[in-house]
C-alpha atoms as a PDB file:
ATOM      1  CA  MET A   1      -0.236  -0.286  -0.105  1.00  0.00           C
ATOM      2  CA  THR A   2       1.368   2.899  -0.752  1.00  0.00           C
ATOM      3  CA  SER A   3       1.119   6.800   0.544  1.00  0.00           C
ATOM      4  CA  VAL A   4       0.157   8.829  -2.165  1.00  0.00           C
ATOM      5  CA  SER A   5      -2.524   8.140  -4.322  1.00  0.00           C
ATOM      6  CA  SER A   6      -2.212   8.745  -8.490  1.00  0.00           C
ATOM      7  CA  SER A   7      -5.416  10.979  -8.287  1.00  0.00           C
ATOM      8  CA  SER A   8      -4.781  12.965  -5.378  1.00  0.00           C
ATOM      9  CA  GLU A   9      -3.386  16.480  -4.942  1.00  0.00           C
ATOM     10  CA  PHE A  10      -0.202  15.066  -3.595  1.00  0.00           C
ATOM     11  CA  HIS A  11       1.972  14.808  -6.722  1.00  0.00           C
ATOM     12  CA  HIS A  12       5.698  13.020  -6.137  1.00  0.00           C
ATOM     13  CA  GLN A  13       9.022  15.384  -6.724  1.00  0.00           C
ATOM     14  CA  HIS A  14      10.594  15.530 -10.095  1.00  0.00           C
ATOM     15  CA  HIS A  15      13.383  13.353  -9.473  1.00  0.00           C
ATOM     16  CA  PHE A  16      11.271  10.182  -8.367  1.00  0.00           C
ATOM     17  CA  LYS A  17       9.936   8.097 -11.388  1.00  0.00           C
ATOM     18  CA  SER A  18       6.440   8.087  -9.361  1.00  0.00           C
ATOM     19  CA  ALA A  19       4.358   8.304  -6.000  1.00  0.00           C
ATOM     20  CA  ASP A  20       5.162   4.666  -5.699  1.00  0.00           C
ATOM     21  CA  HIS A  21       9.076   5.202  -5.993  1.00  0.00           C
ATOM     22  CA  GLN A  22       9.030   8.267  -3.515  1.00  0.00           C
ATOM     23  CA  TYR A  23       7.516   6.776  -1.058  1.00  0.00           C
ATOM     24  CA  ALA A  24       9.679   3.617  -1.019  1.00  0.00           C
ATOM     25  CA  SER A  25      12.521   5.261  -1.554  1.00  0.00           C
ATOM     26  CA  SER A  26      11.578   7.228   1.980  1.00  0.00           C
ATOM     27  CA  LYS A  27      10.709   4.792   3.459  1.00  0.00           C
ATOM     28  CA  GLN A  28      14.102   3.149   2.561  1.00  0.00           C
ATOM     29  CA  GLY A  29      15.888   6.291   4.285  1.00  0.00           C
ATOM     30  CA  ILE A  30      14.151   6.195   6.775  1.00  0.00           C
ATOM     31  CA  TRP A  31      15.038   3.224   8.080  1.00  0.00           C
ATOM     32  CA  LEU A  32      18.924   3.674   6.840  1.00  0.00           C
ATOM     33  CA  PHE A  33      18.880   6.332   9.413  1.00  0.00           C
ATOM     34  CA  LEU A  34      17.269   4.495  12.302  1.00  0.00           C
ATOM     35  CA  CYS A  35      19.706   1.407  11.506  1.00  0.00           C
ATOM     36  CA  THR A  36      22.715   4.290  12.671  1.00  0.00           C
ATOM     37  CA  GLU A  37      20.735   4.916  15.918  1.00  0.00           C
ATOM     38  CA  ILE A  38      20.613   1.203  16.931  1.00  0.00           C
ATOM     39  CA  LEU A  39      24.677   0.983  15.858  1.00  0.00           C
ATOM     40  CA  MET A  40      25.249   4.407  18.049  1.00  0.00           C
ATOM     41  CA  PHE A  41      23.363   2.897  20.958  1.00  0.00           C
ATOM     42  CA  GLY A  42      24.349  -0.824  19.910  1.00  0.00           C
ATOM     43  CA  GLY A  43      28.204   0.674  20.633  1.00  0.00           C
ATOM     44  CA  LEU A  44      26.966   1.945  24.048  1.00  0.00           C
ATOM     45  CA  PHE A  45      25.636  -1.030  25.109  1.00  0.00           C
ATOM     46  CA  VAL A  46      28.801  -2.862  24.467  1.00  0.00           C
ATOM     47  CA  GLY A  47      31.012  -0.718  26.257  1.00  0.00           C
ATOM     48  CA  TYR A  48      28.179  -1.011  29.230  1.00  0.00           C
ATOM     49  CA  LEU A  49      28.409  -5.074  29.201  1.00  0.00           C
ATOM     50  CA  ILE A  50      32.101  -4.984  28.956  1.00  0.00           C
ATOM     51  CA  TYR A  51      32.374  -2.686  32.410  1.00  0.00           C
ATOM     52  CA  HIS A  52      29.301  -4.040  34.026  1.00  0.00           C
ATOM     53  CA  SER A  53      31.541  -7.530  33.446  1.00  0.00           C
ATOM     54  CA  LEU A  54      34.252  -5.839  34.412  1.00  0.00           C
ATOM     55  CA  TYR A  55      33.343  -4.178  37.677  1.00  0.00           C
ATOM     56  CA  PRO A  56      29.827  -5.662  38.750  1.00  0.00           C
ATOM     57  CA  THR A  57      30.004  -4.376  42.102  1.00  0.00           C
ATOM     58  CA  VAL A  58      30.521  -0.872  40.778  1.00  0.00           C
ATOM     59  CA  PHE A  59      27.460  -1.371  38.725  1.00  0.00           C
ATOM     60  CA  LYS A  60      25.472  -3.087  41.642  1.00  0.00           C
ATOM     61  CA  ASN A  61      26.072  -0.336  44.027  1.00  0.00           C
ATOM     62  CA  GLY A  62      25.446   2.625  41.295  1.00  0.00           C
ATOM     63  CA  SER A  63      21.903   1.143  40.299  1.00  0.00           C
ATOM     64  CA  GLU A  64      20.588   0.692  43.376  1.00  0.00           C
ATOM     65  CA  THR A  65      20.757   4.156  43.733  1.00  0.00           C
ATOM     66  CA  LEU A  66      18.792   5.258  41.365  1.00  0.00           C
ATOM     67  CA  ASP A  67      14.999   5.572  41.534  1.00  0.00           C
ATOM     68  CA  TRP A  68      13.532   2.231  40.284  1.00  0.00           C
ATOM     69  CA  LYS A  69      10.314   3.791  40.584  1.00  0.00           C
ATOM     70  CA  MET A  70      10.764   6.656  37.916  1.00  0.00           C
ATOM     71  CA  GLY A  71      11.935   4.844  35.893  1.00  0.00           C
ATOM     72  CA  ALA A  72       9.048   2.394  35.534  1.00  0.00           C
ATOM     73  CA  VAL A  73       6.906   5.558  35.314  1.00  0.00           C
ATOM     74  CA  ASN A  74       8.752   6.991  32.560  1.00  0.00           C
ATOM     75  CA  THR A  75       8.505   3.545  30.694  1.00  0.00           C
ATOM     76  CA  VAL A  76       5.019   3.266  31.237  1.00  0.00           C
ATOM     77  CA  VAL A  77       4.373   7.010  29.676  1.00  0.00           C
ATOM     78  CA  LEU A  78       7.384   6.124  26.919  1.00  0.00           C
ATOM     79  CA  LEU A  79       4.819   3.065  25.833  1.00  0.00           C
ATOM     80  CA  VAL A  80       1.534   4.873  26.264  1.00  0.00           C
ATOM     81  CA  SER A  81       3.161   7.499  23.798  1.00  0.00           C
ATOM     82  CA  SER A  82       4.118   4.743  21.539  1.00  0.00           C
ATOM     83  CA  PHE A  83      -0.111   3.814  20.853  1.00  0.00           C
ATOM     84  CA  THR A  84      -0.820   7.135  21.061  1.00  0.00           C
ATOM     85  CA  MET A  85       1.897   7.329  17.360  1.00  0.00           C
ATOM     86  CA  ALA A  86       0.368   4.197  16.579  1.00  0.00           C
ATOM     87  CA  ALA A  87      -3.293   5.592  16.802  1.00  0.00           C
ATOM     88  CA  ALA A  88      -2.256   8.734  15.149  1.00  0.00           C
ATOM     89  CA  ILE A  89      -0.857   7.434  11.938  1.00  0.00           C
ATOM     90  CA  ASN A  90      -3.586   5.163  11.794  1.00  0.00           C
ATOM     91  CA  TYR A  91      -5.949   8.181  11.721  1.00  0.00           C
ATOM     92  CA  VAL A  92      -4.059  10.531   9.284  1.00  0.00           C
ATOM     93  CA  GLN A  93      -4.367   6.985   7.159  1.00  0.00           C
ATOM     94  CA  ARG A  94      -8.051   6.745   7.377  1.00  0.00           C
ATOM     95  CA  GLY A  95      -7.986  11.071   7.000  1.00  0.00           C
ATOM     96  CA  LEU A  96      -9.571  11.442  10.822  1.00  0.00           C
ATOM     97  CA  HIS A  97      -7.760  14.241  11.374  1.00  0.00           C
ATOM     98  CA  LYS A  98      -8.813  16.034  14.079  1.00  0.00           C
ATOM     99  CA  ILE A  99      -8.648  13.094  16.516  1.00  0.00           C
ATOM    100  CA  ALA A 100      -5.409  12.078  14.689  1.00  0.00           C
ATOM    101  CA  ALA A 101      -4.304  15.568  15.626  1.00  0.00           C
ATOM    102  CA  ILE A 102      -5.205  14.682  19.379  1.00  0.00           C
ATOM    103  CA  MET A 103      -3.235  11.146  19.222  1.00  0.00           C
ATOM    104  CA  LEU A 104      -0.529  13.402  18.635  1.00  0.00           C
ATOM    105  CA  ALA A 105      -0.577  16.061  21.305  1.00  0.00           C
ATOM    106  CA  LEU A 106      -0.770  13.718  23.939  1.00  0.00           C
ATOM    107  CA  THR A 107       2.466  11.681  22.528  1.00  0.00           C
ATOM    108  CA  ILE A 108       4.046  15.104  22.622  1.00  0.00           C
ATOM    109  CA  ALA A 109       2.385  15.841  26.521  1.00  0.00           C
ATOM    110  CA  CYS A 110       3.824  12.151  27.061  1.00  0.00           C
ATOM    111  CA  ALA A 111       7.095  12.979  26.154  1.00  0.00           C
ATOM    112  CA  GLY A 112       7.157  16.291  28.101  1.00  0.00           C
ATOM    113  CA  ALA A 113       6.309  14.380  30.967  1.00  0.00           C
ATOM    114  CA  PHE A 114       9.390  11.595  30.386  1.00  0.00           C
ATOM    115  CA  MET A 115      12.089  14.766  30.912  1.00  0.00           C
ATOM    116  CA  VAL A 116       9.683  16.785  33.452  1.00  0.00           C
ATOM    117  CA  ILE A 117      10.850  12.964  35.178  1.00  0.00           C
ATOM    118  CA  LYS A 118      14.122  12.943  34.214  1.00  0.00           C
ATOM    119  CA  TYR A 119      14.971  16.291  35.282  1.00  0.00           C
ATOM    120  CA  PHE A 120      13.888  15.863  38.958  1.00  0.00           C
ATOM    121  CA  GLU A 121      16.333  12.581  38.568  1.00  0.00           C
ATOM    122  CA  TYR A 122      18.744  14.609  37.094  1.00  0.00           C
ATOM    123  CA  SER A 123      18.319  16.843  39.884  1.00  0.00           C
ATOM    124  CA  HIS A 124      18.596  14.791  42.844  1.00  0.00           C
ATOM    125  CA  LYS A 125      21.877  13.640  41.769  1.00  0.00           C
ATOM    126  CA  PHE A 126      23.699  16.479  41.450  1.00  0.00           C
ATOM    127  CA  HIS A 127      22.526  17.733  44.723  1.00  0.00           C
ATOM    128  CA  VAL A 128      23.690  14.695  45.709  1.00  0.00           C
ATOM    129  CA  GLY A 129      26.766  13.961  44.100  1.00  0.00           C
ATOM    130  CA  THR A 130      26.210  10.892  41.797  1.00  0.00           C
ATOM    131  CA  VAL A 131      27.736  11.751  38.917  1.00  0.00           C
ATOM    132  CA  PRO A 132      30.751  11.134  37.020  1.00  0.00           C
ATOM    133  CA  GLY A 133      33.804  12.258  36.727  1.00  0.00           C
ATOM    134  CA  LYS A 134      35.709  15.575  38.176  1.00  0.00           C
ATOM    135  CA  PHE A 135      31.860  16.462  38.402  1.00  0.00           C
ATOM    136  CA  SER A 136      31.862  14.547  41.485  1.00  0.00           C
ATOM    137  CA  LEU A 137      34.653  15.810  43.727  1.00  0.00           C
ATOM    138  CA  VAL A 138      34.292  18.749  45.812  1.00  0.00           C
ATOM    139  CA  ASP A 139      36.994  20.409  44.293  1.00  0.00           C
ATOM    140  CA  PRO A 140      37.172  19.297  40.615  1.00  0.00           C
ATOM    141  CA  SER A 141      40.491  20.725  39.798  1.00  0.00           C
ATOM    142  CA  CYS A 142      41.934  18.516  43.154  1.00  0.00           C
ATOM    143  CA  ALA A 143      41.410  15.782  39.924  1.00  0.00           C
ATOM    144  CA  ALA A 144      44.546  17.171  38.226  1.00  0.00           C
ATOM    145  CA  GLY A 145      47.660  15.453  38.678  1.00  0.00           C
ATOM    146  CA  GLY A 146      46.612  11.915  39.669  1.00  0.00           C
ATOM    147  CA  LYS A 147      45.911  12.607  42.732  1.00  0.00           C
ATOM    148  CA  ARG A 148      42.368  11.771  42.263  1.00  0.00           C
ATOM    149  CA  ALA A 149      42.267   9.724  45.253  1.00  0.00           C
ATOM    150  CA  GLU A 150      42.970  12.567  47.896  1.00  0.00           C
ATOM    151  CA  CYS A 151      39.979  14.218  46.029  1.00  0.00           C
ATOM    152  CA  GLU A 152      37.140  14.787  48.621  1.00  0.00           C
ATOM    153  CA  SER A 153      34.154  13.670  47.003  1.00  0.00           C
ATOM    154  CA  LYS A 154      30.858  15.539  47.213  1.00  0.00           C
ATOM    155  CA  ILE A 155      29.306  11.987  48.394  1.00  0.00           C
ATOM    156  CA  SER A 156      31.978  12.313  51.158  1.00  0.00           C
ATOM    157  CA  ALA A 157      31.465  15.690  51.828  1.00  0.00           C
ATOM    158  CA  LEU A 158      27.184  15.087  52.044  1.00  0.00           C
ATOM    159  CA  LEU A 159      27.156  12.115  54.655  1.00  0.00           C
ATOM    160  CA  LYS A 160      29.510  14.101  57.390  1.00  0.00           C
ATOM    161  CA  ASN A 161      26.316  17.174  56.807  1.00  0.00           C
ATOM    162  CA  PRO A 162      23.213  16.246  58.612  1.00  0.00           C
ATOM    163  CA  ALA A 163      21.458  19.117  58.058  1.00  0.00           C
ATOM    164  CA  GLU A 164      22.687  18.390  54.387  1.00  0.00           C
ATOM    165  CA  LEU A 165      20.904  15.422  53.812  1.00  0.00           C
ATOM    166  CA  GLU A 166      17.662  16.655  55.283  1.00  0.00           C
ATOM    167  CA  LYS A 167      17.574  19.299  52.526  1.00  0.00           C
ATOM    168  CA  ASN A 168      17.852  16.829  49.813  1.00  0.00           C
ATOM    169  CA  HIS A 169      15.375  14.212  51.555  1.00  0.00           C
ATOM    170  CA  VAL A 170      18.162  11.206  51.798  1.00  0.00           C
ATOM    171  CA  SER A 171      17.028   8.967  53.598  1.00  0.00           C
ATOM    172  CA  ALA A 172      18.325   6.628  55.865  1.00  0.00           C
ATOM    173  CA  GLU A 173      18.233   3.733  53.419  1.00  0.00           C
ATOM    174  CA  GLU A 174      19.938   6.287  50.222  1.00  0.00           C
ATOM    175  CA  VAL A 175      22.508   6.886  53.168  1.00  0.00           C
ATOM    176  CA  THR A 176      23.449   3.135  52.903  1.00  0.00           C
ATOM    177  CA  ARG A 177      23.498   3.082  49.672  1.00  0.00           C
ATOM    178  CA  LEU A 178      25.565   5.650  49.261  1.00  0.00           C
ATOM    179  CA  LYS A 179      28.253   4.876  51.333  1.00  0.00           C
ATOM    180  CA  ALA A 180      28.522   1.250  49.546  1.00  0.00           C
ATOM    181  CA  VAL A 181      28.858   3.335  46.284  1.00  0.00           C
ATOM    182  CA  ILE A 182      31.657   4.925  47.284  1.00  0.00           C
ATOM    183  CA  SER A 183      33.356   1.865  48.896  1.00  0.00           C
ATOM    184  CA  GLN A 184      34.492   0.484  45.631  1.00  0.00           C
ATOM    185  CA  PRO A 185      36.960   2.289  43.509  1.00  0.00           C
ATOM    186  CA  LYS A 186      36.066   3.816  39.999  1.00  0.00           C
ATOM    187  CA  TRP A 187      32.434   4.291  41.305  1.00  0.00           C
ATOM    188  CA  GLU A 188      32.006   7.206  39.144  1.00  0.00           C
ATOM    189  CA  MET A 189      32.201   4.858  36.121  1.00  0.00           C
ATOM    190  CA  PHE A 190      28.492   3.620  36.370  1.00  0.00           C
ATOM    191  CA  TYR A 191      26.989   7.227  36.607  1.00  0.00           C
ATOM    192  CA  GLY A 192      29.138   7.834  33.387  1.00  0.00           C
ATOM    193  CA  PHE A 193      27.267   5.870  31.404  1.00  0.00           C
ATOM    194  CA  TYR A 194      23.949   6.558  33.336  1.00  0.00           C
ATOM    195  CA  PHE A 195      24.259   9.805  32.025  1.00  0.00           C
ATOM    196  CA  VAL A 196      25.999   9.577  28.372  1.00  0.00           C
ATOM    197  CA  MET A 197      23.314   7.086  27.859  1.00  0.00           C
ATOM    198  CA  THR A 198      19.820   8.401  29.701  1.00  0.00           C
ATOM    199  CA  GLY A 199      21.383  11.948  28.152  1.00  0.00           C
ATOM    200  CA  LEU A 200      22.084  10.887  24.081  1.00  0.00           C
ATOM    201  CA  HIS A 201      18.083   9.515  25.267  1.00  0.00           C
ATOM    202  CA  GLY A 202      16.559  12.225  26.384  1.00  0.00           C
ATOM    203  CA  VAL A 203      18.237  14.797  23.476  1.00  0.00           C
ATOM    204  CA  HIS A 204      16.233  12.140  21.206  1.00  0.00           C
ATOM    205  CA  VAL A 205      13.263  12.234  22.957  1.00  0.00           C
ATOM    206  CA  VAL A 206      13.606  16.367  23.027  1.00  0.00           C
ATOM    207  CA  ALA A 207      14.412  15.818  18.922  1.00  0.00           C
ATOM    208  CA  GLY A 208      11.060  13.429  18.581  1.00  0.00           C
ATOM    209  CA  ALA A 209       9.195  15.789  20.021  1.00  0.00           C
ATOM    210  CA  PHE A 210       9.966  18.730  17.892  1.00  0.00           C
ATOM    211  CA  LEU A 211       9.142  16.471  14.764  1.00  0.00           C
ATOM    212  CA  ILE A 212       6.282  15.420  16.457  1.00  0.00           C
ATOM    213  CA  PHE A 213       5.283  18.531  16.434  1.00  0.00           C
ATOM    214  CA  TRP A 214       5.797  19.208  12.570  1.00  0.00           C
ATOM    215  CA  VAL A 215       3.942  16.601  11.945  1.00  0.00           C
ATOM    216  CA  PHE A 216       0.642  18.106  14.013  1.00  0.00           C
ATOM    217  CA  ILE A 217       0.891  20.666  12.160  1.00  0.00           C
ATOM    218  CA  LYS A 218       0.860  19.359   9.230  1.00  0.00           C
ATOM    219  CA  THR A 219      -2.158  17.680  10.216  1.00  0.00           C
ATOM    220  CA  LEU A 220      -3.916  20.250  11.481  1.00  0.00           C
ATOM    221  CA  ARG A 221      -3.635  21.938   8.006  1.00  0.00           C
ATOM    222  CA  ARG A 222      -4.704  18.854   6.756  1.00  0.00           C
ATOM    223  CA  LYS A 223      -1.082  18.322   4.619  1.00  0.00           C
ATOM    224  CA  VAL A 224      -0.950  14.650   4.997  1.00  0.00           C
ATOM    225  CA  GLY A 225      -4.187  12.053   4.701  1.00  0.00           C
ATOM    226  CA  PRO A 226      -4.896   9.010   3.211  1.00  0.00           C
ATOM    227  CA  GLU A 227      -3.576  10.332   0.439  1.00  0.00           C
ATOM    228  CA  TYR A 228       0.307  11.298   1.789  1.00  0.00           C
ATOM    229  CA  TYR A 229       1.286   9.906   4.945  1.00  0.00           C
ATOM    230  CA  THR A 230       4.860   9.496   4.656  1.00  0.00           C
ATOM    231  CA  PRO A 231       6.031  12.073   6.819  1.00  0.00           C
ATOM    232  CA  VAL A 232       3.698  11.450   9.496  1.00  0.00           C
ATOM    233  CA  GLU A 233       4.800   7.351   9.442  1.00  0.00           C
ATOM    234  CA  GLY A 234       8.926   8.057   9.695  1.00  0.00           C
ATOM    235  CA  VAL A 235       8.223  10.013  12.199  1.00  0.00           C
ATOM    236  CA  GLY A 236       6.574   7.232  14.330  1.00  0.00           C
ATOM    237  CA  LEU A 237       9.045   4.595  13.175  1.00  0.00           C
ATOM    238  CA  PHE A 238      11.888   7.168  14.740  1.00  0.00           C
ATOM    239  CA  TRP A 239       9.709   7.764  17.874  1.00  0.00           C
ATOM    240  CA  HIS A 240       9.304   3.615  18.509  1.00  0.00           C
ATOM    241  CA  VAL A 241      13.159   3.122  18.322  1.00  0.00           C
ATOM    242  CA  VAL A 242      13.801   5.893  21.071  1.00  0.00           C
ATOM    243  CA  ASP A 243      10.943   3.996  23.001  1.00  0.00           C
ATOM    244  CA  LEU A 244      12.570   0.281  22.056  1.00  0.00           C
ATOM    245  CA  VAL A 245      15.620   1.917  23.273  1.00  0.00           C
ATOM    246  CA  TRP A 246      14.183   3.191  26.604  1.00  0.00           C
ATOM    247  CA  ILE A 247      13.086  -0.608  26.957  1.00  0.00           C
ATOM    248  CA  TYR A 248      16.617  -1.840  27.020  1.00  0.00           C
ATOM    249  CA  LEU A 249      18.061   1.251  29.197  1.00  0.00           C
ATOM    250  CA  PHE A 250      14.999   0.998  31.489  1.00  0.00           C
ATOM    251  CA  PRO A 251      16.522  -3.087  33.267  1.00  0.00           C
ATOM    252  CA  LEU A 252      20.082  -2.286  32.279  1.00  0.00           C
ATOM    253  CA  LEU A 253      20.739   0.806  34.470  1.00  0.00           C
ATOM    254  CA  TYR A 254      17.744   0.623  37.093  1.00  0.00           C
ATOM    255  CA  LEU A 255      17.327  -3.354  37.548  1.00  0.00           C
ATOM    256  CA  VAL A 256      20.544  -4.407  37.230  1.00  0.00           C
ATOM    257  CA  GLY A 257      20.809  -3.998  41.140  1.00  0.00           C
END
């Protein structure tokens, strides 16, 4: 089934032989792009698995400091967004522009909810000090010259200050977990993977939200419909891959402990 009808007001570009040729080429281009996305995240997954096998305790302790409940909520949010995106494509194909626009708006709302939850997660980690590299130190310049072992981490400083623990809503259970984290050498490694992988995924969520907004406007203006829905379908495929990546990130980061 093609996304462009020969009897439609939508005409294929001059450098394509036909509407079918344009649709097939567009679809192939999207899939090739998605393959590069999978390769990029795949490299991070391979690196994660290698270092997890070398430092299992570091990754276990780090994972236990993450809020799996927030991660689970975000998983549900993205699963709902996949449903609304698929529904939007279906409604566009059937010419139901109003309902399709509602589904696209709900998908954008889900993307916003996901990023808000990530904001609260990230904020707490920066306040507590569970961050990678020199940012985990009270004095980032202390690590210069190979003297990192002599530097005080933000977690250590926090654990010595009951007032700060209360201010940052650090429970007794979390204190125990933080002590376990800093008891291991190279403990920052886990958070390096966490921020790179979830941060890169977050960038894709934001990019996806902008793309969905673009097709949302096209839907409101009836620039897409039963005769031409390639943009909506392409953006939908991208969004499903973004959701799929999170399905793997959630257990690897939040449940590995």
